[in-house]
């Protein structure tokens, strides 16, 4: 009987510790939702006070939340689909082909330096066009850093809206893509950016 009581007290301490940790979170909350019915699979979406801060290919909500905790660990996370309705409407228009551009505030503040310049340069590539890794590196200020540009694009926190899929290898092959090469091919065909 004593061990059951000791176990219960230990469980209570754990629960209270987690509760205290949750209450200690400070700052503006990150609101998130999952978008399940897209041509490229399930997407995880997150919105902070500065705008859309995550758009991930995520087949698993727990994995998406783990990524949010890693990036925004001390901020409250709130599942709130209504907060992301505008983002989802624009994504629906994109996927249906009614509009291939986005008018959304995007928060790239966690990204800095050359990587941020690469992502900002990618936002200026219009639908239906592609650049090579070397070209995007040049637009970001270092034409010899195509490998670093590829790394920055692979870690793009706001896929599709920051169109890293519009970057291909010199010579025209697709190259890699954090959301999978098949999704990259689908997006480029959808935007009529070549035969791929």
Protein backbone atom coordinates (compact mmCIF):
# COMPACT_ATOMS: atom_id res chain seq x y z
CA UNK A 1 0.00 0.00 0.00
CA UNK A 2 2.84 2.39 0.82
CA UNK A 3 4.41 1.96 -2.64
CA UNK A 4 1.11 2.82 -4.34
CA UNK A 5 0.91 6.05 -2.34
CA UNK A 6 4.57 6.85 -3.14
CA UNK A 7 3.92 6.16 -6.82
CA UNK A 8 0.86 8.41 -6.76
CA UNK A 9 2.85 11.23 -5.13
CA UNK A 10 5.60 10.79 -7.75
CA UNK A 11 3.00 10.92 -10.53
CA UNK A 12 1.47 14.05 -9.01
CA UNK A 13 4.90 15.74 -8.86
CA UNK A 14 5.49 14.92 -12.53
CA UNK A 15 2.08 16.27 -13.56
CA UNK A 16 2.55 19.42 -11.46
CA UNK A 17 6.02 19.91 -12.94
CA UNK A 18 4.66 19.71 -16.49
CA UNK A 19 1.80 22.04 -15.57
CA UNK A 20 4.24 24.56 -14.06
CA UNK A 21 6.42 24.36 -17.19
CA UNK A 22 3.41 25.05 -19.40
CA UNK A 23 2.38 28.03 -17.28
CA UNK A 24 5.92 29.41 -17.44
CA UNK A 25 5.76 29.79 -21.22
CA UNK A 26 5.95 33.44 -22.14
CA UNK A 27 5.37 35.54 -25.19
CA UNK A 28 2.83 35.57 -27.93
CA UNK A 29 1.39 32.13 -28.64
CA UNK A 30 2.02 30.18 -31.81
CA UNK A 31 -1.27 29.03 -33.28
CA UNK A 32 -1.21 25.90 -35.40
CA UNK A 33 -3.43 23.63 -37.46
CA UNK A 34 -3.12 20.67 -39.78
CA UNK A 35 -4.34 20.86 -43.38
CA UNK A 36 -5.07 17.31 -44.44
CA UNK A 37 -6.67 17.46 -47.87
CA UNK A 38 -4.02 18.81 -50.25
CA UNK A 39 -2.58 17.34 -53.45
CA UNK A 40 0.84 17.18 -51.75
CA UNK A 41 -0.27 15.45 -48.55
CA UNK A 42 -0.87 16.74 -45.05
CA UNK A 43 0.61 20.12 -44.14
CA UNK A 44 1.35 21.55 -40.72
CA UNK A 45 0.73 25.31 -40.46
CA UNK A 46 1.80 27.70 -37.69
CA UNK A 47 1.13 31.38 -37.25
CA UNK A 48 2.97 33.70 -34.89
CA UNK A 49 2.55 37.42 -34.28
CA UNK A 50 4.81 38.20 -37.27
CA UNK A 51 2.91 36.01 -39.71
CA UNK A 52 3.13 32.49 -41.06
CA UNK A 53 6.17 30.95 -39.38
CA UNK A 54 5.81 27.28 -40.40
CA UNK A 55 4.43 25.40 -43.35
CA UNK A 56 5.75 21.86 -43.22
CA UNK A 57 5.02 18.67 -45.06
CA UNK A 58 3.97 16.67 -42.05
CA UNK A 59 2.34 13.28 -42.10
CA UNK A 60 2.28 13.24 -38.32
CA UNK A 61 0.90 15.98 -36.06
CA UNK A 62 3.09 14.88 -33.14
CA UNK A 63 6.21 15.26 -35.28
CA UNK A 64 5.03 18.70 -36.41
CA UNK A 65 4.45 19.74 -32.79
CA UNK A 66 7.90 18.46 -31.81
CA UNK A 67 9.36 20.72 -34.51
CA UNK A 68 7.38 23.69 -33.23
CA UNK A 69 8.56 23.03 -29.68
CA UNK A 70 12.15 22.88 -30.93
CA UNK A 71 11.81 26.19 -32.76
CA UNK A 72 9.54 28.07 -30.34
CA UNK A 73 10.14 26.14 -27.11
CA UNK A 74 9.23 28.83 -24.61
CA UNK A 75 6.13 30.07 -26.43
CA UNK A 76 2.62 28.70 -25.82
CA UNK A 77 1.36 26.48 -28.64
CA UNK A 78 -2.38 26.59 -29.31
CA UNK A 79 -4.24 24.43 -31.81
CA UNK A 80 -6.55 26.96 -33.43
CA UNK A 81 -7.74 26.23 -36.94
CA UNK A 82 -9.77 29.44 -37.13
CA UNK A 83 -6.61 31.56 -36.76
CA UNK A 84 -5.24 29.90 -39.90
CA UNK A 85 -8.41 30.09 -42.04
CA UNK A 86 -6.97 32.87 -44.23
CA UNK A 87 -3.79 30.90 -44.85
CA UNK A 88 -5.80 27.77 -45.71
CA UNK A 89 -8.05 29.72 -48.10
CA UNK A 90 -4.99 31.01 -49.97
CA UNK A 91 -3.49 27.52 -50.09
CA UNK A 92 -6.81 26.15 -51.41
CA UNK A 93 -6.78 28.81 -54.16
CA UNK A 94 -3.18 27.90 -54.97
CA UNK A 95 -3.85 24.16 -55.15
CA UNK A 96 -6.97 24.67 -57.28
CA UNK A 97 -5.02 26.91 -59.68
CA UNK A 98 -7.18 29.98 -59.07
CA UNK A 99 -4.12 31.91 -57.82
CA UNK A 100 -0.49 30.86 -57.89
CA UNK A 101 0.68 33.71 -55.66
CA UNK A 102 0.27 34.39 -51.95
CA UNK A 103 -0.49 37.58 -50.08
CA UNK A 104 0.50 36.52 -46.57
CA UNK A 105 2.78 37.98 -43.94
CA UNK A 106 5.66 35.53 -43.47
CA UNK A 107 7.87 35.50 -40.39
CA UNK A 108 11.42 34.43 -41.24
CA UNK A 109 12.90 35.99 -38.08
CA UNK A 110 14.35 32.68 -36.81
CA UNK A 111 16.47 32.53 -40.00
CA UNK A 112 19.46 34.83 -40.40
CA UNK A 113 22.41 35.72 -42.60
CA UNK A 114 22.93 34.14 -45.99
CA UNK A 115 20.13 31.61 -45.44
CA UNK A 116 17.60 34.39 -44.94
CA UNK A 117 18.84 36.22 -48.05
CA UNK A 118 18.39 33.00 -50.05
CA UNK A 119 14.81 32.55 -48.81
CA UNK A 120 13.96 36.20 -49.49
CA UNK A 121 15.39 35.87 -53.02
CA UNK A 122 13.23 32.77 -53.55
CA UNK A 123 10.11 34.80 -52.72
CA UNK A 124 10.82 36.97 -55.77
CA UNK A 125 10.73 34.07 -58.26
CA UNK A 126 7.38 34.24 -60.05
CA UNK A 127 5.26 31.13 -60.62
CA UNK A 128 6.19 29.36 -63.84
CA UNK A 129 9.89 30.28 -63.52
CA UNK A 130 12.82 28.42 -62.01
CA UNK A 131 16.36 29.37 -61.02
CA UNK A 132 19.39 27.20 -60.44
CA UNK A 133 21.05 26.84 -57.05
CA UNK A 134 23.96 28.95 -58.36
CA UNK A 135 21.58 31.66 -59.59
CA UNK A 136 19.74 31.89 -56.27
CA UNK A 137 23.09 32.00 -54.43
CA UNK A 138 24.10 34.90 -56.67
CA UNK A 139 20.86 36.74 -55.97
CA UNK A 140 21.56 36.26 -52.26
CA UNK A 141 25.01 37.83 -52.67
CA UNK A 142 27.38 34.87 -53.04
CA UNK A 143 27.29 33.14 -56.44
CA UNK A 144 29.86 30.54 -55.33
CA UNK A 145 27.73 29.34 -52.41
CA UNK A 146 25.26 27.13 -54.29
CA UNK A 147 25.70 24.29 -51.77
CA UNK A 148 24.95 26.65 -48.85
CA UNK A 149 21.95 27.97 -50.80
CA UNK A 150 20.69 24.41 -51.22
CA UNK A 151 21.05 23.83 -47.49
CA UNK A 152 19.11 27.03 -46.71
CA UNK A 153 16.35 25.99 -49.10
CA UNK A 154 16.19 22.50 -47.60
CA UNK A 155 15.57 24.07 -44.18
CA UNK A 156 12.97 26.55 -45.43
CA UNK A 157 10.46 26.89 -42.55
CA UNK A 158 7.64 28.10 -44.83
CA UNK A 159 7.57 25.73 -47.81
CA UNK A 160 5.37 26.49 -50.85
CA UNK A 161 4.71 30.10 -49.75
CA UNK A 162 8.47 30.73 -49.81
CA UNK A 163 8.83 28.81 -53.09
CA UNK A 164 12.03 26.83 -52.64
CA UNK A 165 10.55 24.28 -55.06
CA UNK A 166 11.35 26.76 -57.87
CA UNK A 167 15.08 26.09 -57.51
CA UNK A 168 16.57 23.34 -59.70
CA UNK A 169 20.04 22.08 -60.53
CA UNK A 170 22.13 23.73 -63.21
CA UNK A 171 21.33 21.71 -66.30
CA UNK A 172 17.67 21.41 -65.41
CA UNK A 173 17.29 18.31 -63.22
CA UNK A 174 15.02 18.75 -60.23
CA UNK A 175 17.51 18.34 -57.40
CA UNK A 176 16.31 17.63 -53.89
CA UNK A 177 13.36 18.94 -51.95
CA UNK A 178 12.54 18.75 -48.24
CA UNK A 179 8.93 17.85 -49.07
CA UNK A 180 9.97 15.07 -51.44
CA UNK A 181 10.91 15.17 -55.10
CA UNK A 182 7.45 13.99 -56.21
CA UNK A 183 5.86 16.97 -54.46
CA UNK A 184 8.41 19.30 -56.05
CA UNK A 185 7.55 17.85 -59.46
CA UNK A 186 3.82 18.26 -58.78
CA UNK A 187 4.26 21.91 -57.70
CA UNK A 188 6.35 22.80 -60.76
CA UNK A 189 3.91 21.11 -63.15
CA UNK A 190 1.03 22.81 -61.36
CA UNK A 191 2.74 26.17 -61.90
CA UNK A 192 3.57 25.22 -65.52
CA UNK A 193 7.28 25.68 -64.87
CA UNK A 194 8.46 23.03 -67.33
CA UNK A 195 7.76 19.45 -68.24
CA UNK A 196 9.49 17.74 -65.30
